Amino acid sequence: MTVFLAWTSDPPPEADVAGLEGPWTELRAAGPGLILVESTESLSRVYHGLKWSLEDEDAALIVSPVLERPKLKGLAPGTTTWLRDRVPTSLDNA
C-alpha cells in the first residue's frame, strides 16, 4: 500500500473528501487543499482519479508518493497518527 500526498487549488469540502470514489482505499483531508491518499494503485491512476473527482477541470493538482514519514505541524487532527500508521520513519527502515 502506498500513501500519496495531493494538493489542489480547488479542493472538495473536507466533509466530502472521504466519500470520493476512486482507485484508493482511503482518503483523508489533511489541511486546506491537502489530501492524503492510501492506495495500491499507481501514481498515474491516483492522479487521474483525483483529477476526475474535482469539480473545476482547470484546478491545479499535484500528487506525489510519501516514501518516508514527513515532518508536519498544524494539519487536521489525527493526521500525524494516520501517517505514522502507514509510512515508515525513513527509507532506511522500510
PDB file of N, CA and C in Angstrom:
ATOM      1  N   MET A   1       0.859  -1.173   0.000  1.00  0.00           N
ATOM      2  CA  MET A   1       0.000   0.000   0.000  1.00  0.00           C
ATOM      3  C   MET A   1       0.905   1.235   0.000  1.00  0.00           C
ATOM      4  N   THR A   2       0.566   2.212  -0.802  1.00  0.00           N
ATOM      5  CA  THR A   2       1.320   3.459  -0.886  1.00  0.00           C
ATOM      6  C   THR A   2       0.452   4.604  -0.399  1.00  0.00           C
ATOM      7  N   VAL A   3       1.097   5.561   0.261  1.00  0.00           N
ATOM      8  CA  VAL A   3       0.422   6.800   0.653  1.00  0.00           C
ATOM      9  C   VAL A   3       0.872   7.886  -0.316  1.00  0.00           C
ATOM     10  N   PHE A   4      -0.084   8.658  -0.801  1.00  0.00           N
ATOM     11  CA  PHE A   4       0.190   9.782  -1.690  1.00  0.00           C
ATOM     12  C   PHE A   4      -0.282  11.057  -1.012  1.00  0.00           C
ATOM     13  N   LEU A   5       0.416  12.152  -1.281  1.00  0.00           N
ATOM     14  CA  LEU A   5       0.002  13.473  -0.822  1.00  0.00           C
ATOM     15  C   LEU A   5      -0.415  14.262  -2.054  1.00  0.00           C
ATOM     16  N   ALA A   6      -1.624  14.785  -2.012  1.00  0.00           N
ATOM     17  CA  ALA A   6      -2.140  15.576  -3.128  1.00  0.00           C
ATOM     18  C   ALA A   6      -2.474  16.978  -2.641  1.00  0.00           C
ATOM     19  N   TRP A   7      -2.273  17.941  -3.518  1.00  0.00           N
ATOM     20  CA  TRP A   7      -2.708  19.318  -3.263  1.00  0.00           C
ATOM     21  C   TRP A   7      -3.475  19.774  -4.490  1.00  0.00           C
ATOM     22  N   THR A   8      -4.567  20.483  -4.243  1.00  0.00           N
ATOM     23  CA  THR A   8      -5.336  21.062  -5.333  1.00  0.00           C
ATOM     24  C   THR A   8      -5.773  22.474  -4.969  1.00  0.00           C
ATOM     25  N   SER A   9      -5.868  23.306  -5.979  1.00  0.00           N
ATOM     26  CA  SER A   9      -6.305  24.689  -5.770  1.00  0.00           C
ATOM     27  C   SER A   9      -7.816  24.785  -5.571  1.00  0.00           C
ATOM     28  N   ASP A  10      -8.532  23.715  -5.874  1.00  0.00           N
ATOM     29  CA  ASP A  10      -9.990  23.712  -5.749  1.00  0.00           C
ATOM     30  C   ASP A  10     -10.447  22.434  -5.043  1.00  0.00           C
ATOM     31  N   PRO A  11     -10.138  22.313  -3.750  1.00  0.00           N
ATOM     32  CA  PRO A  11     -10.459  21.066  -3.049  1.00  0.00           C
ATOM     33  C   PRO A  11     -11.953  20.910  -2.803  1.00  0.00           C
ATOM     34  N   PRO A  12     -12.408  19.657  -2.744  1.00  0.00           N
ATOM     35  CA  PRO A  12     -13.793  19.436  -2.330  1.00  0.00           C
ATOM     36  C   PRO A  12     -13.929  19.793  -0.853  1.00  0.00           C
ATOM     37  N   PRO A  13     -15.137  20.054  -0.370  1.00  0.00           N
ATOM     38  CA  PRO A  13     -15.308  20.315   1.065  1.00  0.00           C
ATOM     39  C   PRO A  13     -14.728  19.157   1.874  1.00  0.00           C
ATOM     40  N   GLU A  14     -14.051  19.488   2.993  1.00  0.00           N
ATOM     41  CA  GLU A  14     -13.401  18.449   3.795  1.00  0.00           C
ATOM     42  C   GLU A  14     -14.350  17.315   4.143  1.00  0.00           C
ATOM     43  N   ALA A  15     -15.596  17.634   4.419  1.00  0.00           N
ATOM     44  CA  ALA A  15     -16.569  16.602   4.795  1.00  0.00           C
ATOM     45  C   ALA A  15     -16.846  15.629   3.645  1.00  0.00           C
ATOM     46  N   ASP A  16     -16.586  16.048   2.408  1.00  0.00           N
ATOM     47  CA  ASP A  16     -16.866  15.206   1.241  1.00  0.00           C
ATOM     48  C   ASP A  16     -15.668  14.370   0.791  1.00  0.00           C
ATOM     49  N   VAL A  17     -14.467  14.703   1.277  1.00  0.00           N
ATOM     50  CA  VAL A  17     -13.251  14.046   0.789  1.00  0.00           C
ATOM     51  C   VAL A  17     -13.314  12.533   0.988  1.00  0.00           C
ATOM     52  N   ALA A  18     -13.637  12.074   2.178  1.00  0.00           N
ATOM     53  CA  ALA A  18     -13.629  10.639   2.469  1.00  0.00           C
ATOM     54  C   ALA A  18     -14.609   9.860   1.596  1.00  0.00           C
ATOM     55  N   GLY A  19     -15.634  10.510   1.083  1.00  0.00           N
ATOM     56  CA  GLY A  19     -16.637   9.829   0.277  1.00  0.00           C
ATOM     57  C   GLY A  19     -16.355   9.799  -1.215  1.00  0.00           C
ATOM     58  N   LEU A  20     -15.254  10.423  -1.652  1.00  0.00           N
ATOM     59  CA  LEU A  20     -14.938  10.413  -3.081  1.00  0.00           C
ATOM     60  C   LEU A  20     -14.601   8.996  -3.533  1.00  0.00           C
ATOM     61  N   GLU A  21     -15.135   8.604  -4.666  1.00  0.00           N
ATOM     62  CA  GLU A  21     -14.863   7.273  -5.196  1.00  0.00           C
ATOM     63  C   GLU A  21     -13.693   7.330  -6.155  1.00  0.00           C
ATOM     64  N   GLY A  22     -12.826   6.323  -6.067  1.00  0.00           N
ATOM     65  CA  GLY A  22     -11.673   6.267  -6.944  1.00  0.00           C
ATOM     66  C   GLY A  22     -10.802   5.079  -6.604  1.00  0.00           C
ATOM     67  N   PRO A  23      -9.611   5.015  -7.201  1.00  0.00           N
ATOM     68  CA  PRO A  23      -8.723   3.867  -7.020  1.00  0.00           C
ATOM     69  C   PRO A  23      -7.913   3.956  -5.723  1.00  0.00           C
ATOM     70  N   TRP A  24      -8.595   4.034  -4.615  1.00  0.00           N
ATOM     71  CA  TRP A  24      -7.918   4.150  -3.329  1.00  0.00           C
ATOM     72  C   TRP A  24      -8.690   3.409  -2.258  1.00  0.00           C
ATOM     73  N   THR A  25      -7.982   3.144  -1.167  1.00  0.00           N
ATOM     74  CA  THR A  25      -8.572   2.503  -0.002  1.00  0.00           C
ATOM     75  C   THR A  25      -9.149   3.550   0.927  1.00  0.00           C
ATOM     76  N   GLU A  26      -8.425   4.670   1.054  1.00  0.00           N
ATOM     77  CA  GLU A  26      -8.866   5.726   1.970  1.00  0.00           C
ATOM     78  C   GLU A  26      -8.347   7.080   1.507  1.00  0.00           C
ATOM     79  N   LEU A  27      -9.162   8.101   1.711  1.00  0.00           N
ATOM     80  CA  LEU A  27      -8.775   9.499   1.506  1.00  0.00           C
ATOM     81  C   LEU A  27      -8.938  10.213   2.835  1.00  0.00           C
ATOM     82  N   ARG A  28      -8.052  11.169   3.084  1.00  0.00           N
ATOM     83  CA  ARG A  28      -8.128  11.943   4.324  1.00  0.00           C
ATOM     84  C   ARG A  28      -7.774  13.391   4.029  1.00  0.00           C
ATOM     85  N   ALA A  29      -8.658  14.315   4.393  1.00  0.00           N
ATOM     86  CA  ALA A  29      -8.350  15.744   4.273  1.00  0.00           C
ATOM     87  C   ALA A  29      -7.339  16.082   5.361  1.00  0.00           C
ATOM     88  N   ALA A  30      -6.188  16.623   4.949  1.00  0.00           N
ATOM     89  CA  ALA A  30      -5.118  16.913   5.904  1.00  0.00           C
ATOM     90  C   ALA A  30      -4.995  18.397   6.214  1.00  0.00           C
ATOM     91  N   GLY A  31      -5.506  19.241   5.366  1.00  0.00           N
ATOM     92  CA  GLY A  31      -5.413  20.685   5.541  1.00  0.00           C
ATOM     93  C   GLY A  31      -6.002  21.354   4.316  1.00  0.00           C
ATOM     94  N   PRO A  32      -5.947  22.672   4.259  1.00  0.00           N
ATOM     95  CA  PRO A  32      -6.524  23.386   3.112  1.00  0.00           C
ATOM     96  C   PRO A  32      -5.911  22.924   1.781  1.00  0.00           C
ATOM     97  N   GLY A  33      -6.702  22.228   0.993  1.00  0.00           N
ATOM     98  CA  GLY A  33      -6.239  21.751  -0.304  1.00  0.00           C
ATOM     99  C   GLY A  33      -5.405  20.487  -0.268  1.00  0.00           C
ATOM    100  N   LEU A  34      -5.042  19.997   0.928  1.00  0.00           N
ATOM    101  CA  LEU A  34      -4.195  18.809   1.060  1.00  0.00           C
ATOM    102  C   LEU A  34      -5.040  17.567   1.301  1.00  0.00           C
ATOM    103  N   ILE A  35      -4.757  16.530   0.538  1.00  0.00           N
ATOM    104  CA  ILE A  35      -5.466  15.264   0.675  1.00  0.00           C
ATOM    105  C   ILE A  35      -4.438  14.146   0.752  1.00  0.00           C
ATOM    106  N   LEU A  36      -4.575  13.282   1.753  1.00  0.00           N
ATOM    107  CA  LEU A  36      -3.758  12.083   1.850  1.00  0.00           C
ATOM    108  C   LEU A  36      -4.543  10.933   1.246  1.00  0.00           C
ATOM    109  N   VAL A  37      -3.854  10.118   0.466  1.00  0.00           N
ATOM    110  CA  VAL A  37      -4.490   9.019  -0.257  1.00  0.00           C
ATOM    111  C   VAL A  37      -3.747   7.730   0.066  1.00  0.00           C
ATOM    112  N   GLU A  38      -4.470   6.695   0.462  1.00  0.00           N
ATOM    113  CA  GLU A  38      -3.889   5.367   0.638  1.00  0.00           C
ATOM    114  C   GLU A  38      -4.405   4.501  -0.507  1.00  0.00           C
ATOM    115  N   SER A  39      -3.480   3.898  -1.269  1.00  0.00           N
ATOM    116  CA  SER A  39      -3.898   3.147  -2.449  1.00  0.00           C
ATOM    117  C   SER A  39      -2.878   2.074  -2.808  1.00  0.00           C
ATOM    118  N   THR A  40      -3.359   1.031  -3.458  1.00  0.00           N
ATOM    119  CA  THR A  40      -2.474   0.014  -4.031  1.00  0.00           C
ATOM    120  C   THR A  40      -2.207   0.312  -5.505  1.00  0.00           C
ATOM    121  N   GLU A  41      -2.838   1.345  -6.026  1.00  0.00           N
ATOM    122  CA  GLU A  41      -2.723   1.683  -7.447  1.00  0.00           C
ATOM    123  C   GLU A  41      -1.504   2.574  -7.717  1.00  0.00           C
ATOM    124  N   SER A  42      -1.213   2.778  -8.988  1.00  0.00           N
ATOM    125  CA  SER A  42      -0.068   3.585  -9.408  1.00  0.00           C
ATOM    126  C   SER A  42      -0.329   5.074  -9.195  1.00  0.00           C
ATOM    127  N   LEU A  43       0.742   5.835  -9.238  1.00  0.00           N
ATOM    128  CA  LEU A  43       0.648   7.289  -9.152  1.00  0.00           C
ATOM    129  C   LEU A  43      -0.283   7.825 -10.237  1.00  0.00           C
ATOM    130  N   SER A  44      -0.149   7.319 -11.450  1.00  0.00           N
ATOM    131  CA  SER A  44      -0.982   7.786 -12.556  1.00  0.00           C
ATOM    132  C   SER A  44      -2.465   7.528 -12.287  1.00  0.00           C
ATOM    133  N   ARG A  45      -2.801   6.338 -11.808  1.00  0.00           N
ATOM    134  CA  ARG A  45      -4.215   6.015 -11.528  1.00  0.00           C
ATOM    135  C   ARG A  45      -4.775   6.918 -10.434  1.00  0.00           C
ATOM    136  N   VAL A  46      -3.974   7.149  -9.378  1.00  0.00           N
ATOM    137  CA  VAL A  46      -4.434   8.010  -8.280  1.00  0.00           C
ATOM    138  C   VAL A  46      -4.597   9.442  -8.779  1.00  0.00           C
ATOM    139  N   TYR A  47      -3.612   9.946  -9.522  1.00  0.00           N
ATOM    140  CA  TYR A  47      -3.687  11.302 -10.069  1.00  0.00           C
ATOM    141  C   TYR A  47      -4.960  11.482 -10.901  1.00  0.00           C
ATOM    142  N   HIS A  48      -5.193  10.571 -11.834  1.00  0.00           N
ATOM    143  CA  HIS A  48      -6.365  10.712 -12.705  1.00  0.00           C
ATOM    144  C   HIS A  48      -7.669  10.546 -11.932  1.00  0.00           C
ATOM    145  N   GLY A  49      -7.698   9.661 -10.938  1.00  0.00           N
ATOM    146  CA  GLY A  49      -8.890   9.525 -10.106  1.00  0.00           C
ATOM    147  C   GLY A  49      -9.223  10.814  -9.380  1.00  0.00           C
ATOM    148  N   LEU A  50      -8.195  11.463  -8.837  1.00  0.00           N
ATOM    149  CA  LEU A  50      -8.419  12.746  -8.164  1.00  0.00           C
ATOM    150  C   LEU A  50      -8.818  13.826  -9.164  1.00  0.00           C
ATOM    151  N   LYS A  51      -8.129  13.868 -10.292  1.00  0.00           N
ATOM    152  CA  LYS A  51      -8.426  14.880 -11.316  1.00  0.00           C
ATOM    153  C   LYS A  51      -9.889  14.800 -11.746  1.00  0.00           C
ATOM    154  N   TRP A  52     -10.382  13.607 -11.951  1.00  0.00           N
ATOM    155  CA  TRP A  52     -11.768  13.427 -12.397  1.00  0.00           C
ATOM    156  C   TRP A  52     -12.765  13.699 -11.277  1.00  0.00           C
ATOM    157  N   SER A  53     -12.291  13.712 -10.021  1.00  0.00           N
ATOM    158  CA  SER A  53     -13.169  13.995  -8.877  1.00  0.00           C
ATOM    159  C   SER A  53     -13.356  15.487  -8.633  1.00  0.00           C
ATOM    160  N   LEU A  54     -12.477  16.314  -9.203  1.00  0.00           N
ATOM    161  CA  LEU A  54     -12.544  17.752  -8.963  1.00  0.00           C
ATOM    162  C   LEU A  54     -13.644  18.385  -9.806  1.00  0.00           C
ATOM    163  N   GLU A  55     -14.359  19.319  -9.219  1.00  0.00           N
ATOM    164  CA  GLU A  55     -15.434  20.000  -9.949  1.00  0.00           C
ATOM    165  C   GLU A  55     -14.890  20.937 -11.021  1.00  0.00           C
ATOM    166  N   ASP A  56     -13.771  21.619 -10.719  1.00  0.00           N
ATOM    167  CA  ASP A  56     -13.173  22.560 -11.668  1.00  0.00           C
ATOM    168  C   ASP A  56     -12.107  21.828 -12.478  1.00  0.00           C
ATOM    169  N   GLU A  57     -12.375  21.575 -13.746  1.00  0.00           N
ATOM    170  CA  GLU A  57     -11.424  20.822 -14.559  1.00  0.00           C
ATOM    171  C   GLU A  57     -10.114  21.571 -14.796  1.00  0.00           C
ATOM    172  N   ASP A  58     -10.084  22.885 -14.506  1.00  0.00           N
ATOM    173  CA  ASP A  58      -8.860  23.668 -14.660  1.00  0.00           C
ATOM    174  C   ASP A  58      -8.107  23.846 -13.346  1.00  0.00           C
ATOM    175  N   ALA A  59      -8.558  23.197 -12.275  1.00  0.00           N
ATOM    176  CA  ALA A  59      -7.912  23.338 -10.969  1.00  0.00           C
ATOM    177  C   ALA A  59      -6.494  22.774 -11.013  1.00  0.00           C
ATOM    178  N   ALA A  60      -5.585  23.448 -10.315  1.00  0.00           N
ATOM    179  CA  ALA A  60      -4.224  22.936 -10.177  1.00  0.00           C
ATOM    180  C   ALA A  60      -4.262  21.667  -9.327  1.00  0.00           C
ATOM    181  N   LEU A  61      -3.390  20.709  -9.652  1.00  0.00           N
ATOM    182  CA  LEU A  61      -3.328  19.447  -8.913  1.00  0.00           C
ATOM    183  C   LEU A  61      -1.921  18.896  -8.980  1.00  0.00           C
ATOM    184  N   ILE A  62      -1.407  18.479  -7.844  1.00  0.00           N
ATOM    185  CA  ILE A  62      -0.133  17.771  -7.791  1.00  0.00           C
ATOM    186  C   ILE A  62      -0.320  16.585  -6.858  1.00  0.00           C
ATOM    187  N   VAL A  63       0.244  15.442  -7.246  1.00  0.00           N
ATOM    188  CA  VAL A  63       0.156  14.216  -6.450  1.00  0.00           C
ATOM    189  C   VAL A  63       1.546  13.597  -6.408  1.00  0.00           C
ATOM    190  N   SER A  64       1.980  13.192  -5.214  1.00  0.00           N
ATOM    191  CA  SER A  64       3.298  12.596  -5.058  1.00  0.00           C
ATOM    192  C   SER A  64       3.244  11.502  -3.998  1.00  0.00           C
ATOM    193  N   PRO A  65       4.010  10.416  -4.196  1.00  0.00           N
ATOM    194  CA  PRO A  65       4.050   9.395  -3.151  1.00  0.00           C
ATOM    195  C   PRO A  65       4.788   9.921  -1.919  1.00  0.00           C
ATOM    196  N   VAL A  66       4.370   9.460  -0.760  1.00  0.00           N
ATOM    197  CA  VAL A  66       5.038   9.795   0.502  1.00  0.00           C
ATOM    198  C   VAL A  66       5.865   8.564   0.869  1.00  0.00           C
ATOM    199  N   LEU A  67       7.170   8.619   0.615  1.00  0.00           N
ATOM    200  CA  LEU A  67       8.025   7.454   0.795  1.00  0.00           C
ATOM    201  C   LEU A  67       8.540   7.292   2.217  1.00  0.00           C
ATOM    202  N   GLU A  68       8.634   8.388   2.946  1.00  0.00           N
ATOM    203  CA  GLU A  68       9.002   8.315   4.353  1.00  0.00           C
ATOM    204  C   GLU A  68       8.209   9.343   5.127  1.00  0.00           C
ATOM    205  N   ARG A  69       8.099   9.126   6.430  1.00  0.00           N
ATOM    206  CA  ARG A  69       7.235   9.961   7.259  1.00  0.00           C
ATOM    207  C   ARG A  69       7.716  11.411   7.243  1.00  0.00           C
ATOM    208  N   PRO A  70       6.847  12.327   6.817  1.00  0.00           N
ATOM    209  CA  PRO A  70       7.242  13.740   6.774  1.00  0.00           C
ATOM    210  C   PRO A  70       7.161  14.389   8.151  1.00  0.00           C
ATOM    211  N   LYS A  71       7.869  15.477   8.301  1.00  0.00           N
ATOM    212  CA  LYS A  71       7.694  16.337   9.473  1.00  0.00           C
ATOM    213  C   LYS A  71       6.501  17.219   9.164  1.00  0.00           C
ATOM    214  N   LEU A  72       5.629  17.408  10.133  1.00  0.00           N
ATOM    215  CA  LEU A  72       4.444  18.216   9.871  1.00  0.00           C
ATOM    216  C   LEU A  72       3.955  18.885  11.137  1.00  0.00           C
ATOM    217  N   LYS A  73       3.173  19.936  10.934  1.00  0.00           N
ATOM    218  CA  LYS A  73       2.629  20.709  12.048  1.00  0.00           C
ATOM    219  C   LYS A  73       1.400  21.454  11.552  1.00  0.00           C
ATOM    220  N   GLY A  74       0.390  21.545  12.393  1.00  0.00           N
ATOM    221  CA  GLY A  74      -0.770  22.372  12.096  1.00  0.00           C
ATOM    222  C   GLY A  74      -1.766  21.782  11.116  1.00  0.00           C
ATOM    223  N   LEU A  75      -1.688  20.476  10.876  1.00  0.00           N
ATOM    224  CA  LEU A  75      -2.646  19.854   9.967  1.00  0.00           C
ATOM    225  C   LEU A  75      -3.844  19.328  10.753  1.00  0.00           C
ATOM    226  N   ALA A  76      -4.795  18.740  10.061  1.00  0.00           N
ATOM    227  CA  ALA A  76      -6.025  18.253  10.691  1.00  0.00           C
ATOM    228  C   ALA A  76      -5.707  17.270  11.816  1.00  0.00           C
ATOM    229  N   PRO A  77      -6.493  17.310  12.894  1.00  0.00           N
ATOM    230  CA  PRO A  77      -6.281  16.371  13.999  1.00  0.00           C
ATOM    231  C   PRO A  77      -6.274  14.922  13.499  1.00  0.00           C
ATOM    232  N   GLY A  78      -5.332  14.152  14.004  1.00  0.00           N
ATOM    233  CA  GLY A  78      -5.220  12.745  13.630  1.00  0.00           C
ATOM    234  C   GLY A  78      -4.319  12.477  12.444  1.00  0.00           C
ATOM    235  N   THR A  79      -3.864  13.520  11.756  1.00  0.00           N
ATOM    236  CA  THR A  79      -3.039  13.329  10.562  1.00  0.00           C
ATOM    237  C   THR A  79      -1.704  12.675  10.897  1.00  0.00           C
ATOM    238  N   THR A  80      -1.060  13.111  11.972  1.00  0.00           N
ATOM    239  CA  THR A  80       0.232  12.532  12.359  1.00  0.00           C
ATOM    240  C   THR A  80       0.079  11.042  12.641  1.00  0.00           C
ATOM    241  N   THR A  81      -0.930  10.675  13.407  1.00  0.00           N
ATOM    242  CA  THR A  81      -1.162   9.262  13.724  1.00  0.00           C
ATOM    243  C   THR A  81      -1.487   8.472  12.462  1.00  0.00           C
ATOM    244  N   TRP A  82      -2.312   9.028  11.590  1.00  0.00           N
ATOM    245  CA  TRP A  82      -2.677   8.356  10.342  1.00  0.00           C
ATOM    246  C   TRP A  82      -1.427   8.051   9.524  1.00  0.00           C
ATOM    247  N   LEU A  83      -0.535   9.030   9.397  1.00  0.00           N
ATOM    248  CA  LEU A  83       0.708   8.816   8.649  1.00  0.00           C
ATOM    249  C   LEU A  83       1.630   7.835   9.369  1.00  0.00           C
ATOM    250  N   ARG A  84       1.742   7.960  10.672  1.00  0.00           N
ATOM    251  CA  ARG A  84       2.607   7.074  11.457  1.00  0.00           C
ATOM    252  C   ARG A  84       2.194   5.611  11.257  1.00  0.00           C
ATOM    253  N   ASP A  85       0.911   5.370  11.134  1.00  0.00           N
ATOM    254  CA  ASP A  85       0.408   4.009  10.956  1.00  0.00           C
ATOM    255  C   ASP A  85       0.662   3.450   9.557  1.00  0.00           C
ATOM    256  N   ARG A  86       1.025   4.296   8.595  1.00  0.00           N
ATOM    257  CA  ARG A  86       1.111   3.855   7.202  1.00  0.00           C
ATOM    258  C   ARG A  86       2.459   4.077   6.515  1.00  0.00           C
ATOM    259  N   VAL A  87       3.277   4.968   7.055  1.00  0.00           N
ATOM    260  CA  VAL A  87       4.505   5.367   6.359  1.00  0.00           C
ATOM    261  C   VAL A  87       5.712   5.110   7.257  1.00  0.00           C
ATOM    262  N   PRO A  88       6.783   4.485   6.720  1.00  0.00           N
ATOM    263  CA  PRO A  88       7.973   4.237   7.539  1.00  0.00           C
ATOM    264  C   PRO A  88       8.654   5.538   7.962  1.00  0.00           C
ATOM    265  N   THR A  89       9.365   5.473   9.087  1.00  0.00           N
ATOM    266  CA  THR A  89      10.078   6.637   9.602  1.00  0.00           C
ATOM    267  C   THR A  89      11.057   7.170   8.568  1.00  0.00           C
ATOM    268  N   SER A  90      11.818   6.272   7.957  1.00  0.00           N
ATOM    269  CA  SER A  90      12.755   6.685   6.912  1.00  0.00           C
ATOM    270  C   SER A  90      12.900   5.548   5.911  1.00  0.00           C
ATOM    271  N   LEU A  91      13.472   5.854   4.775  1.00  0.00           N
ATOM    272  CA  LEU A  91      13.679   4.825   3.759  1.00  0.00           C
ATOM    273  C   LEU A  91      14.627   3.747   4.256  1.00  0.00           C
ATOM    274  N   ASP A  92      15.530   4.100   5.168  1.00  0.00           N
ATOM    275  CA  ASP A  92      16.468   3.127   5.718  1.00  0.00           C
ATOM    276  C   ASP A  92      15.759   2.065   6.545  1.00  0.00           C
ATOM    277  N   ASN A  93      14.580   2.399   7.102  1.00  0.00           N
ATOM    278  CA  ASN A  93      13.842   1.463   7.952  1.00  0.00           C
ATOM    279  C   ASN A  93      12.725   0.745   7.207  1.00  0.00           C
ATOM    280  N   ALA A  94      12.604   0.994   5.921  1.00  0.00           N
ATOM    281  CA  ALA A  94      11.483   0.421   5.149  1.00  0.00           C
ATOM    282  C   ALA A  94      11.599  -1.077   5.011  1.00  0.00           C
TER     283      ALA A  94
END
